[in-house]
C-alpha atoms as a PDB file:
ATOM      1  CA  GLN A   1       3.562  19.780 -15.928  1.00  0.00           C
ATOM      2  CA  GLY A   2       3.546  16.485 -14.293  1.00  0.00           C
ATOM      3  CA  GLN A   3       1.673  13.750 -15.204  1.00  0.00           C
ATOM      4  CA  LEU A   4      -0.688  10.894 -14.642  1.00  0.00           C
ATOM      5  CA  ILE A   5       0.615   7.329 -15.791  1.00  0.00           C
ATOM      6  CA  GLU A   6      -1.042   3.666 -15.750  1.00  0.00           C
ATOM      7  CA  THR A   7       0.613   0.882 -16.804  1.00  0.00           C
ATOM      8  CA  GLY A   8      -1.022  -2.943 -16.328  1.00  0.00           C
ATOM      9  CA  GLY A   9      -3.244  -2.949 -18.848  1.00  0.00           C
ATOM     10  CA  GLY A  10      -4.254  -5.676 -21.123  1.00  0.00           C
ATOM     11  CA  SER A  11      -6.250  -8.626 -22.048  1.00  0.00           C
ATOM     12  CA  VAL A  12      -7.592 -10.923 -19.763  1.00  0.00           C
ATOM     13  CA  GLN A  13      -9.941 -13.914 -19.717  1.00  0.00           C
ATOM     14  CA  ALA A  14     -13.540 -13.763 -17.925  1.00  0.00           C
ATOM     15  CA  GLY A  15     -12.981 -14.549 -14.309  1.00  0.00           C
ATOM     16  CA  GLY A  16      -9.624 -13.132 -13.807  1.00  0.00           C
ATOM     17  CA  SER A  17      -7.374 -10.824 -12.368  1.00  0.00           C
ATOM     18  CA  THR A  18      -5.457  -7.928 -13.193  1.00  0.00           C
ATOM     19  CA  THR A  19      -3.802  -5.042 -11.565  1.00  0.00           C
ATOM     20  CA  LEU A  20      -3.759  -1.866 -12.986  1.00  0.00           C
ATOM     21  CA  SER A  21      -0.752   1.174 -11.901  1.00  0.00           C
ATOM     22  CA  CYS A  22      -0.898   5.014 -11.868  1.00  0.00           C
ATOM     23  CA  ALA A  23       2.440   6.595 -11.131  1.00  0.00           C
ATOM     24  CA  ALA A  24       2.381  10.142 -10.479  1.00  0.00           C
ATOM     25  CA  ASP A  25       5.182  12.460 -11.567  1.00  0.00           C
ATOM     26  CA  GLY A  26       5.286  15.727 -10.936  1.00  0.00           C
ATOM     27  CA  VAL A  27       1.541  15.775  -9.996  1.00  0.00           C
ATOM     28  CA  THR A  28       1.075  16.383  -6.376  1.00  0.00           C
ATOM     29  CA  PHE A  29       0.258  13.602  -4.739  1.00  0.00           C
ATOM     30  CA  GLY A  30       0.040  12.794  -1.079  1.00  0.00           C
ATOM     31  CA  ILE A  31      -2.221  14.907   0.638  1.00  0.00           C
ATOM     32  CA  ASN A  32      -5.129  14.207  -2.956  1.00  0.00           C
ATOM     33  CA  THR A  33      -7.765  11.737  -3.150  1.00  0.00           C
ATOM     34  CA  MET A  34      -7.084   9.676  -5.872  1.00  0.00           C
ATOM     35  CA  GLY A  35      -9.830   7.701  -8.441  1.00  0.00           C
ATOM     36  CA  TRP A  36      -9.937   5.466 -10.969  1.00  0.00           C
ATOM     37  CA  PHE A  37     -12.498   5.092 -13.942  1.00  0.00           C
ATOM     38  CA  ARG A  38     -13.702   3.658 -16.615  1.00  0.00           C
ATOM     39  CA  GLN A  39     -14.472   4.766 -20.348  1.00  0.00           C
ATOM     40  CA  ALA A  40     -16.387   1.989 -22.775  1.00  0.00           C
ATOM     41  CA  PRO A  41     -16.662   2.520 -26.157  1.00  0.00           C
ATOM     42  CA  GLY A  42     -20.080   4.253 -27.150  1.00  0.00           C
ATOM     43  CA  LYS A  43     -20.232   4.121 -23.156  1.00  0.00           C
ATOM     44  CA  GLU A  44     -19.744   7.714 -20.633  1.00  0.00           C
ATOM     45  CA  ARG A  45     -16.522   7.644 -18.936  1.00  0.00           C
ATOM     46  CA  GLU A  46     -17.645   5.718 -15.373  1.00  0.00           C
ATOM     47  CA  PHE A  47     -16.709   6.180 -12.119  1.00  0.00           C
ATOM     48  CA  VAL A  48     -14.869   2.867 -10.667  1.00  0.00           C
ATOM     49  CA  ALA A  49     -13.196   3.809  -7.106  1.00  0.00           C
ATOM     50  CA  SER A  50     -11.656   6.105  -4.916  1.00  0.00           C
ATOM     51  CA  ILE A  51      -9.431   6.285  -1.986  1.00  0.00           C
ATOM     52  CA  ASN A  52      -8.134   9.574   0.131  1.00  0.00           C
ATOM     53  CA  TRP A  53      -4.669  10.945   1.331  1.00  0.00           C
ATOM     54  CA  ASN A  54      -4.754   8.835   4.474  1.00  0.00           C
ATOM     55  CA  VAL A  55      -6.424   5.491   2.671  1.00  0.00           C
ATOM     56  CA  ARG A  56      -9.188   5.467   5.461  1.00  0.00           C
ATOM     57  CA  VAL A  57     -11.933   6.307   2.824  1.00  0.00           C
ATOM     58  CA  LYS A  58     -12.644   4.335  -0.613  1.00  0.00           C
ATOM     59  CA  ASN A  59     -15.481   4.400  -2.036  1.00  0.00           C
ATOM     60  CA  TYR A  60     -16.736   2.083  -4.988  1.00  0.00           C
ATOM     61  CA  GLY A  61     -18.656   2.054  -8.365  1.00  0.00           C
ATOM     62  CA  ASP A  62     -22.084  -0.162  -7.678  1.00  0.00           C
ATOM     63  CA  SER A  63     -20.783  -2.381 -10.628  1.00  0.00           C
ATOM     64  CA  VAL A  64     -17.058  -2.755  -9.489  1.00  0.00           C
ATOM     65  CA  LYS A  65     -18.044  -2.979  -5.557  1.00  0.00           C
ATOM     66  CA  GLY A  66     -16.369  -6.544  -4.075  1.00  0.00           C
ATOM     67  CA  ARG A  67     -14.686  -7.326  -6.813  1.00  0.00           C
ATOM     68  CA  PHE A  68     -11.958  -4.388  -6.748  1.00  0.00           C
ATOM     69  CA  THR A  69      -9.732  -3.013  -4.250  1.00  0.00           C
ATOM     70  CA  ILE A  70      -7.901   0.651  -4.710  1.00  0.00           C
ATOM     71  CA  SER A  71      -5.015   1.138  -2.662  1.00  0.00           C
ATOM     72  CA  ARG A  72      -2.414   3.519  -2.436  1.00  0.00           C
ATOM     73  CA  ASP A  73       1.488   3.752  -1.957  1.00  0.00           C
ATOM     74  CA  ASN A  74       1.989   6.963  -0.846  1.00  0.00           C
ATOM     75  CA  ALA A  75       5.897   6.555  -0.511  1.00  0.00           C
ATOM     76  CA  ARG A  76       6.356   6.029  -4.278  1.00  0.00           C
ATOM     77  CA  ASN A  77       3.103   8.264  -5.490  1.00  0.00           C
ATOM     78  CA  THR A  78       1.862   5.268  -6.972  1.00  0.00           C
ATOM     79  CA  ILE A  79      -2.159   3.943  -6.932  1.00  0.00           C
ATOM     80  CA  TYR A  80      -3.674   0.430  -7.703  1.00  0.00           C
ATOM     81  CA  LEU A  81      -6.389  -1.143  -8.665  1.00  0.00           C
ATOM     82  CA  GLN A  82      -6.511  -4.702  -8.073  1.00  0.00           C
ATOM     83  CA  MET A  83      -9.450  -5.826 -10.050  1.00  0.00           C
ATOM     84  CA  ASN A  84     -10.819  -9.689  -9.835  1.00  0.00           C
ATOM     85  CA  SER A  85     -13.822 -11.759 -11.011  1.00  0.00           C
ATOM     86  CA  LEU A  86     -13.446  -9.583 -14.341  1.00  0.00           C
ATOM     87  CA  LYS A  87     -16.284  -9.787 -16.298  1.00  0.00           C
ATOM     88  CA  ILE A  88     -16.817  -9.126 -20.204  1.00  0.00           C
ATOM     89  CA  GLU A  89     -18.480  -6.277 -19.674  1.00  0.00           C
ATOM     90  CA  ASP A  90     -15.178  -4.347 -17.089  1.00  0.00           C
ATOM     91  CA  THR A  91     -13.761  -3.944 -20.744  1.00  0.00           C
ATOM     92  CA  ALA A  92     -13.098  -0.589 -20.888  1.00  0.00           C
ATOM     93  CA  VAL A  93     -10.267   2.309 -21.474  1.00  0.00           C
ATOM     94  CA  TYR A  94      -9.182   2.592 -17.286  1.00  0.00           C
ATOM     95  CA  TYR A  95      -7.725   5.920 -16.519  1.00  0.00           C
ATOM     96  CA  CYS A  96      -6.247   7.623 -13.492  1.00  0.00           C
ATOM     97  CA  ALA A  97      -7.167  11.097 -11.855  1.00  0.00           C
ATOM     98  CA  ARG A  98      -6.544  13.020  -8.878  1.00  0.00           C
ATOM     99  CA  LYS A  99      -9.197  15.313  -7.139  1.00  0.00           C
ATOM    100  CA  TYR A 100      -8.150  18.939  -5.777  1.00  0.00           C
ATOM    101  CA  GLY A 101     -10.926  20.217  -3.734  1.00  0.00           C
ATOM    102  CA  SER A 102     -13.682  18.933  -5.921  1.00  0.00           C
ATOM    103  CA  THR A 103     -12.900  18.587  -9.159  1.00  0.00           C
ATOM    104  CA  TRP A 104     -11.030  15.502 -10.904  1.00  0.00           C
ATOM    105  CA  ASP A 105      -8.317  17.678 -12.336  1.00  0.00           C
ATOM    106  CA  SER A 106      -5.336  16.323 -13.766  1.00  0.00           C
ATOM    107  CA  TRP A 107      -5.759  12.472 -15.914  1.00  0.00           C
ATOM    108  CA  GLY A 108      -3.847  10.159 -17.644  1.00  0.00           C
ATOM    109  CA  GLN A 109      -4.045   8.718 -21.026  1.00  0.00           C
ATOM    110  CA  GLY A 110      -5.706   5.778 -19.751  1.00  0.00           C
ATOM    111  CA  THR A 111      -5.426   1.966 -20.301  1.00  0.00           C
ATOM    112  CA  GLN A 112      -6.963  -0.948 -22.098  1.00  0.00           C
ATOM    113  CA  VAL A 113      -8.227  -3.236 -20.320  1.00  0.00           C
ATOM    114  CA  THR A 114     -10.282  -6.628 -22.642  1.00  0.00           C
ATOM    115  CA  VAL A 115     -11.779  -8.985 -20.649  1.00  0.00           C
ATOM    116  CA  SER A 116     -12.604 -12.038 -22.855  1.00  0.00           C
ATOM    117  CA  SER A 117     -14.856 -15.750 -22.756  1.00  0.00           C
END
């Protein structure tokens, strides 16, 4: 069974930047749309960004547009989330996921990002 492994979370000051990575280990990656989601305490999981297999289509949640950038390196089976101008409300557990058909069918364990003032 393959897995998606997120790294790069941690504590960041408001206004700062950080980058998350998600490596696909044994999970089919190259032809799939990949995405990032997040879940803050007491809130539902929220869509953050997605990127299709050939990098031509990127989508972002309204709350992160203009601040976050999703990218992928198919040769390394890895996607990234560059997060700039971080706000306290960006604090959440961030998950990467793989889309199969119309379903997000594989999920990582998540990585915590905490933004403080």
